[in-house]
């Protein structure tokens, strides 16, 4: 039997991005089959993107999260809804940085980081001040 070769950095980043976004979808109880298909579509598109720009491999998780968020908005509405703001109109969190490593879900209305991408299930009310300075 041939040994299993380790995943390339590209494949590892894509698998990680998929897992992180799926974890957030599960946390929001929206991980239905059609929504999971949106994640797969985003991963396929980002595979091509990172093949063209290998230095962008560390940005894939945030980009896949943004792609899925955009697809959900087009088809179903805002996701993920902010768990921090208890009053006012429901609003979606945003991924920060838009293009960078270590992506987080951020509430711009409250000016706080809510959770790292993949960790929405552990997010509660509150958050930590956002480094972007936007509120």
N, C-alpha and C. Protein backbone atom coordinates (compact mmCIF):
# COMPACT_ATOMS: atom_id res chain seq x y z
N UNK A 1 0.85 -1.18 0.00
CA UNK A 1 0.00 0.00 0.00
C UNK A 1 0.89 1.24 0.00
N UNK A 2 0.52 2.18 -0.83
CA UNK A 2 1.29 3.41 -0.98
C UNK A 2 0.96 4.38 0.15
N UNK A 3 1.99 5.03 0.74
CA UNK A 3 1.70 5.98 1.82
C UNK A 3 0.91 7.17 1.28
N UNK A 4 0.07 7.71 2.14
CA UNK A 4 -0.72 8.88 1.77
C UNK A 4 0.18 10.10 1.85
N UNK A 5 0.20 10.84 0.75
CA UNK A 5 1.06 12.03 0.74
C UNK A 5 0.37 13.16 1.49
N UNK A 6 1.15 14.01 2.14
CA UNK A 6 0.56 15.13 2.88
C UNK A 6 -0.10 16.11 1.91
N UNK A 7 -1.07 16.82 2.42
CA UNK A 7 -1.76 17.82 1.62
C UNK A 7 -0.83 18.98 1.30
N UNK A 8 -0.97 19.51 0.11
CA UNK A 8 -0.22 20.70 -0.26
C UNK A 8 -0.76 21.87 0.56
N UNK A 9 0.02 22.94 0.71
CA UNK A 9 -0.48 24.12 1.43
C UNK A 9 -1.79 24.64 0.82
N UNK A 10 -1.92 24.56 -0.49
CA UNK A 10 -3.14 25.00 -1.16
C UNK A 10 -4.33 24.17 -0.69
N UNK A 11 -4.21 22.85 -0.78
CA UNK A 11 -5.31 21.97 -0.38
C UNK A 11 -5.61 22.10 1.12
N UNK A 12 -4.57 22.23 1.92
CA UNK A 12 -4.78 22.38 3.36
C UNK A 12 -5.55 23.66 3.66
N UNK A 13 -5.21 24.75 3.00
CA UNK A 13 -5.91 26.02 3.24
C UNK A 13 -7.36 25.93 2.78
N UNK A 14 -7.62 25.23 1.68
CA UNK A 14 -8.99 25.09 1.20
C UNK A 14 -9.83 24.23 2.14
N UNK A 15 -9.23 23.13 2.63
CA UNK A 15 -9.94 22.27 3.59
C UNK A 15 -10.22 23.03 4.88
N UNK A 16 -9.25 23.81 5.32
CA UNK A 16 -9.43 24.59 6.55
C UNK A 16 -10.53 25.63 6.36
N UNK A 17 -10.50 26.34 5.23
CA UNK A 17 -11.52 27.35 4.95
C UNK A 17 -12.91 26.72 4.94
N UNK A 18 -13.03 25.58 4.27
CA UNK A 18 -14.31 24.89 4.21
C UNK A 18 -14.79 24.54 5.63
N UNK A 19 -13.90 23.97 6.43
CA UNK A 19 -14.27 23.56 7.79
C UNK A 19 -14.68 24.76 8.65
N UNK A 20 -13.95 25.86 8.56
CA UNK A 20 -14.25 27.04 9.37
C UNK A 20 -15.61 27.64 9.00
N UNK A 21 -15.87 27.76 7.71
CA UNK A 21 -17.14 28.35 7.29
C UNK A 21 -18.30 27.41 7.62
N UNK A 22 -18.10 26.11 7.44
CA UNK A 22 -19.15 25.15 7.81
C UNK A 22 -19.44 25.21 9.31
N UNK A 23 -18.41 25.38 10.12
CA UNK A 23 -18.62 25.49 11.57
C UNK A 23 -19.48 26.71 11.90
N UNK A 24 -19.25 27.82 11.22
CA UNK A 24 -20.05 29.01 11.46
C UNK A 24 -21.49 28.83 10.97
N UNK A 25 -21.66 28.13 9.85
CA UNK A 25 -23.00 27.86 9.35
C UNK A 25 -23.77 26.95 10.32
N UNK A 26 -23.08 25.95 10.85
CA UNK A 26 -23.71 25.06 11.83
C UNK A 26 -24.09 25.85 13.08
N UNK A 27 -23.20 26.73 13.53
CA UNK A 27 -23.48 27.55 14.71
C UNK A 27 -24.72 28.41 14.50
N UNK A 28 -24.92 28.87 13.29
CA UNK A 28 -26.09 29.69 12.98
C UNK A 28 -27.29 28.88 12.56
N UNK A 29 -27.15 27.55 12.62
CA UNK A 29 -28.23 26.63 12.26
C UNK A 29 -28.75 26.86 10.85
N UNK A 30 -27.82 27.11 9.92
CA UNK A 30 -28.20 27.31 8.51
C UNK A 30 -27.43 26.38 7.57
N UNK A 31 -26.87 25.32 8.09
CA UNK A 31 -26.04 24.42 7.28
C UNK A 31 -26.89 23.38 6.55
N UNK A 32 -27.88 23.84 5.80
CA UNK A 32 -28.71 22.96 4.98
C UNK A 32 -27.92 22.57 3.73
N UNK A 33 -28.38 21.54 3.04
CA UNK A 33 -27.64 21.00 1.89
C UNK A 33 -27.37 22.07 0.82
N UNK A 34 -28.36 22.90 0.51
CA UNK A 34 -28.16 23.91 -0.53
C UNK A 34 -27.15 24.96 -0.09
N UNK A 35 -27.09 25.24 1.20
CA UNK A 35 -26.13 26.21 1.72
C UNK A 35 -24.72 25.62 1.71
N UNK A 36 -24.61 24.34 2.06
CA UNK A 36 -23.31 23.67 2.00
C UNK A 36 -22.80 23.66 0.56
N UNK A 37 -23.69 23.54 -0.40
CA UNK A 37 -23.29 23.61 -1.81
C UNK A 37 -22.68 24.96 -2.15
N UNK A 38 -23.17 26.03 -1.50
CA UNK A 38 -22.59 27.35 -1.73
C UNK A 38 -21.15 27.40 -1.23
N UNK A 39 -20.88 26.70 -0.13
CA UNK A 39 -19.51 26.63 0.40
C UNK A 39 -18.63 25.92 -0.62
N UNK A 40 -19.11 24.82 -1.15
CA UNK A 40 -18.32 24.06 -2.13
C UNK A 40 -18.03 24.90 -3.38
N UNK A 41 -19.03 25.65 -3.84
CA UNK A 41 -18.83 26.54 -4.99
C UNK A 41 -17.76 27.58 -4.69
N UNK A 42 -17.80 28.16 -3.50
CA UNK A 42 -16.81 29.17 -3.12
C UNK A 42 -15.42 28.56 -3.06
N UNK A 43 -15.30 27.35 -2.54
CA UNK A 43 -14.00 26.69 -2.45
C UNK A 43 -13.44 26.43 -3.84
N UNK A 44 -14.28 26.00 -4.76
CA UNK A 44 -13.83 25.75 -6.14
C UNK A 44 -13.31 27.04 -6.76
N UNK A 45 -14.06 28.12 -6.59
CA UNK A 45 -13.63 29.41 -7.15
C UNK A 45 -12.33 29.90 -6.52
N UNK A 46 -12.19 29.73 -5.22
CA UNK A 46 -10.98 30.19 -4.55
C UNK A 46 -9.78 29.29 -4.84
N UNK A 47 -10.02 28.03 -5.17
CA UNK A 47 -8.91 27.15 -5.58
C UNK A 47 -8.25 27.77 -6.82
N UNK A 48 -9.06 28.15 -7.80
CA UNK A 48 -8.51 28.75 -9.01
C UNK A 48 -7.77 30.04 -8.65
N UNK A 49 -8.38 30.86 -7.79
CA UNK A 49 -7.79 32.15 -7.43
C UNK A 49 -6.42 31.97 -6.79
N UNK A 50 -6.31 31.04 -5.85
CA UNK A 50 -5.04 30.87 -5.14
C UNK A 50 -4.01 30.13 -6.01
N UNK A 51 -4.45 29.36 -6.99
CA UNK A 51 -3.51 28.78 -7.95
C UNK A 51 -2.86 29.89 -8.77
N UNK A 52 -3.61 30.96 -9.03
CA UNK A 52 -3.07 32.10 -9.79
C UNK A 52 -2.20 32.99 -8.91
N UNK A 53 -2.48 33.02 -7.63
CA UNK A 53 -1.75 33.88 -6.70
C UNK A 53 -1.42 33.07 -5.44
N UNK A 54 -0.39 32.23 -5.49
CA UNK A 54 -0.06 31.35 -4.37
C UNK A 54 0.22 32.10 -3.05
N UNK A 55 0.68 33.34 -3.12
CA UNK A 55 0.94 34.10 -1.90
C UNK A 55 -0.36 34.43 -1.15
N UNK A 56 -1.50 34.24 -1.80
CA UNK A 56 -2.77 34.53 -1.16
C UNK A 56 -3.34 33.37 -0.37
N UNK A 57 -2.58 32.29 -0.22
CA UNK A 57 -3.09 31.09 0.45
C UNK A 57 -3.58 31.37 1.86
N UNK A 58 -2.94 32.28 2.58
CA UNK A 58 -3.35 32.56 3.96
C UNK A 58 -4.62 33.42 4.04
N UNK A 59 -5.11 33.88 2.90
CA UNK A 59 -6.30 34.71 2.87
C UNK A 59 -7.57 33.93 2.53
N UNK A 60 -7.42 32.66 2.20
CA UNK A 60 -8.52 31.87 1.65
C UNK A 60 -9.70 31.76 2.61
N UNK A 61 -9.48 31.55 3.89
CA UNK A 61 -10.59 31.37 4.83
C UNK A 61 -11.50 32.59 4.85
N UNK A 62 -10.92 33.76 4.93
CA UNK A 62 -11.73 34.97 4.95
C UNK A 62 -12.46 35.20 3.65
N UNK A 63 -11.81 34.87 2.54
CA UNK A 63 -12.44 35.06 1.24
C UNK A 63 -13.59 34.08 1.03
N UNK A 64 -13.42 32.84 1.44
CA UNK A 64 -14.51 31.86 1.32
C UNK A 64 -15.68 32.31 2.20
N UNK A 65 -15.39 32.78 3.41
CA UNK A 65 -16.46 33.27 4.29
C UNK A 65 -17.22 34.43 3.62
N UNK A 66 -16.49 35.35 3.02
CA UNK A 66 -17.14 36.48 2.33
C UNK A 66 -17.95 36.00 1.13
N UNK A 67 -17.40 35.05 0.37
CA UNK A 67 -18.11 34.53 -0.80
C UNK A 67 -19.43 33.88 -0.39
N UNK A 68 -19.39 33.07 0.67
CA UNK A 68 -20.60 32.41 1.15
C UNK A 68 -21.59 33.45 1.67
N UNK A 69 -21.09 34.42 2.41
CA UNK A 69 -21.96 35.48 2.92
C UNK A 69 -22.65 36.21 1.76
N UNK A 70 -21.92 36.53 0.71
CA UNK A 70 -22.50 37.21 -0.45
C UNK A 70 -23.55 36.33 -1.14
N UNK A 71 -23.25 35.04 -1.29
CA UNK A 71 -24.19 34.12 -1.92
C UNK A 71 -25.47 33.98 -1.10
N UNK A 72 -25.32 33.90 0.21
CA UNK A 72 -26.49 33.81 1.09
C UNK A 72 -27.33 35.08 1.02
N UNK A 73 -26.68 36.22 0.97
CA UNK A 73 -27.41 37.48 0.88
C UNK A 73 -28.25 37.51 -0.39
N UNK A 74 -27.66 37.09 -1.50
CA UNK A 74 -28.37 37.09 -2.78
C UNK A 74 -29.58 36.15 -2.76
N UNK A 75 -29.47 35.02 -2.04
CA UNK A 75 -30.52 33.99 -2.09
C UNK A 75 -31.46 33.99 -0.89
N UNK A 76 -30.94 34.29 0.32
CA UNK A 76 -31.73 34.08 1.53
C UNK A 76 -31.80 35.28 2.47
N UNK A 77 -30.81 36.13 2.44
CA UNK A 77 -30.79 37.26 3.37
C UNK A 77 -29.47 37.35 4.10
N UNK A 78 -29.42 38.23 5.07
CA UNK A 78 -28.17 38.50 5.79
C UNK A 78 -27.74 37.32 6.66
N UNK A 79 -26.44 37.08 6.66
CA UNK A 79 -25.82 36.05 7.50
C UNK A 79 -24.37 36.42 7.67
N UNK A 80 -23.79 36.18 8.82
CA UNK A 80 -24.41 35.84 10.09
C UNK A 80 -24.95 37.10 10.75
N UNK A 81 -26.08 36.95 11.42
CA UNK A 81 -26.64 38.10 12.13
C UNK A 81 -25.83 38.39 13.38
N UNK A 82 -25.72 39.64 13.71
CA UNK A 82 -24.93 40.08 14.85
C UNK A 82 -25.54 39.61 16.16
N UNK A 83 -24.76 38.90 16.99
CA UNK A 83 -25.26 38.49 18.29
C UNK A 83 -24.98 39.53 19.39
N UNK A 84 -24.28 40.60 19.04
CA UNK A 84 -23.85 41.59 20.03
C UNK A 84 -24.90 42.66 20.27
N UNK A 85 -25.45 43.17 19.20
CA UNK A 85 -26.41 44.27 19.30
C UNK A 85 -27.80 43.70 19.58
N UNK A 86 -28.32 44.02 20.72
CA UNK A 86 -29.61 43.48 21.13
C UNK A 86 -30.79 44.31 20.68
N UNK A 87 -30.56 45.51 20.19
CA UNK A 87 -31.67 46.36 19.78
C UNK A 87 -31.40 46.92 18.39
N UNK A 88 -32.43 47.48 17.80
CA UNK A 88 -32.29 48.04 16.46
C UNK A 88 -32.53 46.97 15.41
N UNK A 89 -32.32 47.34 14.17
CA UNK A 89 -32.53 46.42 13.06
C UNK A 89 -31.46 45.33 13.08
N UNK A 90 -31.88 44.09 12.79
CA UNK A 90 -30.88 43.03 12.68
C UNK A 90 -29.91 43.37 11.54
N UNK A 91 -28.66 43.09 11.77
CA UNK A 91 -27.65 43.37 10.76
C UNK A 91 -26.61 42.25 10.77
N UNK A 92 -25.94 42.11 9.64
CA UNK A 92 -24.95 41.06 9.48
C UNK A 92 -23.59 41.51 9.98
N UNK A 93 -22.82 40.53 10.40
CA UNK A 93 -21.41 40.78 10.71
C UNK A 93 -20.65 40.87 9.40
N UNK A 94 -19.45 41.41 9.46
CA UNK A 94 -18.58 41.49 8.28
C UNK A 94 -17.25 40.85 8.61
N UNK A 95 -16.58 40.36 7.56
CA UNK A 95 -15.26 39.75 7.73
C UNK A 95 -14.21 40.83 7.66
N UNK A 96 -13.30 40.82 8.63
CA UNK A 96 -12.14 41.71 8.64
C UNK A 96 -10.91 40.88 8.92
N UNK A 97 -9.82 41.14 8.29
CA UNK A 97 -9.65 42.07 7.18
C UNK A 97 -10.30 41.51 5.92
N UNK A 98 -10.65 42.38 4.99
CA UNK A 98 -11.25 41.92 3.74
C UNK A 98 -10.29 41.03 2.97
N UNK A 99 -9.03 41.33 3.02
CA UNK A 99 -8.00 40.52 2.38
C UNK A 99 -6.80 40.47 3.31
N UNK A 100 -6.73 39.43 4.10
CA UNK A 100 -5.64 39.30 5.04
C UNK A 100 -5.75 38.02 5.84
N UNK A 101 -4.73 37.73 6.61
CA UNK A 101 -4.77 36.53 7.44
C UNK A 101 -5.60 36.74 8.70
N UNK A 102 -5.91 35.67 9.40
CA UNK A 102 -6.60 35.72 10.68
C UNK A 102 -7.94 36.46 10.60
N UNK A 103 -8.85 36.00 9.72
CA UNK A 103 -10.12 36.71 9.55
C UNK A 103 -11.04 36.56 10.75
N UNK A 104 -11.76 37.63 11.05
CA UNK A 104 -12.71 37.69 12.16
C UNK A 104 -14.04 38.23 11.66
N UNK A 105 -15.10 37.81 12.35
CA UNK A 105 -16.41 38.42 12.15
C UNK A 105 -16.46 39.66 13.05
N UNK A 106 -16.84 40.78 12.47
CA UNK A 106 -16.83 42.06 13.17
C UNK A 106 -18.19 42.73 13.03
N UNK A 107 -18.65 43.33 14.13
CA UNK A 107 -19.84 44.18 14.09
C UNK A 107 -19.34 45.61 13.96
N UNK A 108 -19.62 46.23 12.82
CA UNK A 108 -19.18 47.61 12.62
C UNK A 108 -20.05 48.60 13.38
N UNK A 109 -21.29 48.22 13.67
CA UNK A 109 -22.14 49.14 14.43
C UNK A 109 -21.64 49.30 15.86
N UNK A 110 -21.22 48.18 16.47
CA UNK A 110 -20.71 48.24 17.84
C UNK A 110 -19.19 48.44 17.87
N UNK A 111 -18.55 48.24 16.71
CA UNK A 111 -17.10 48.41 16.65
C UNK A 111 -16.33 47.33 17.39
N UNK A 112 -16.84 46.07 17.35
CA UNK A 112 -16.18 44.99 18.07
C UNK A 112 -15.95 43.77 17.18
N UNK A 113 -14.88 43.04 17.52
CA UNK A 113 -14.67 41.72 16.94
C UNK A 113 -15.57 40.76 17.70
N UNK A 114 -16.35 39.98 16.99
CA UNK A 114 -17.28 39.06 17.63
C UNK A 114 -16.64 37.69 17.79
N UNK A 115 -15.99 37.20 16.73
CA UNK A 115 -15.37 35.88 16.79
C UNK A 115 -14.49 35.70 15.56
N UNK A 116 -13.52 34.83 15.69
CA UNK A 116 -12.74 34.45 14.52
C UNK A 116 -13.64 33.67 13.57
N UNK A 117 -13.36 33.71 12.28
CA UNK A 117 -14.09 32.87 11.34
C UNK A 117 -13.91 31.43 11.80
N UNK A 118 -15.02 30.71 11.90
CA UNK A 118 -15.00 29.34 12.38
C UNK A 118 -15.35 29.20 13.84
N UNK A 119 -15.49 30.31 14.55
CA UNK A 119 -15.75 30.26 15.99
C UNK A 119 -17.02 31.00 16.41
N UNK A 120 -17.96 31.17 15.49
CA UNK A 120 -19.20 31.87 15.85
C UNK A 120 -19.98 31.11 16.92
N UNK A 121 -19.82 29.80 16.98
CA UNK A 121 -20.52 29.01 17.98
C UNK A 121 -20.15 29.37 19.39
N UNK A 122 -18.96 29.93 19.58
CA UNK A 122 -18.52 30.31 20.92
C UNK A 122 -18.73 31.80 21.20
N UNK A 123 -19.29 32.50 20.22
CA UNK A 123 -19.49 33.95 20.39
C UNK A 123 -20.75 34.21 21.19
N UNK A 124 -20.63 35.09 22.11
CA UNK A 124 -21.78 35.51 22.91
C UNK A 124 -21.91 37.00 22.82
N UNK A 125 -22.74 37.59 23.63
CA UNK A 125 -22.84 39.04 23.64
C UNK A 125 -21.52 39.66 24.09
N UNK A 126 -21.25 40.79 23.57
CA UNK A 126 -20.00 41.47 23.94
C UNK A 126 -19.11 41.62 22.74
N UNK A 127 -17.93 41.05 22.81
CA UNK A 127 -16.96 41.20 21.74
C UNK A 127 -15.77 41.99 22.25
N UNK A 128 -14.76 42.06 21.42
CA UNK A 128 -13.58 42.83 21.79
C UNK A 128 -13.46 43.99 20.80
N UNK A 129 -12.90 45.11 21.24
CA UNK A 129 -12.79 46.26 20.34
C UNK A 129 -12.12 45.87 19.03
N UNK A 130 -12.68 46.36 17.95
CA UNK A 130 -12.14 46.09 16.62
C UNK A 130 -10.90 46.93 16.39
N UNK A 131 -9.90 46.34 15.74
CA UNK A 131 -8.67 47.07 15.47
C UNK A 131 -8.81 48.01 14.30
N UNK A 132 -9.94 47.91 13.56
CA UNK A 132 -10.10 48.75 12.38
C UNK A 132 -10.39 50.19 12.73
N UNK A 133 -10.93 50.41 13.91
CA UNK A 133 -11.27 51.76 14.31
C UNK A 133 -12.61 52.21 13.78
N UNK A 134 -13.29 51.35 12.97
CA UNK A 134 -14.61 51.75 12.48
C UNK A 134 -15.68 51.31 13.44
N UNK A 135 -16.66 52.12 13.53
CA UNK A 135 -17.79 51.78 14.42
C UNK A 135 -19.08 52.01 13.72
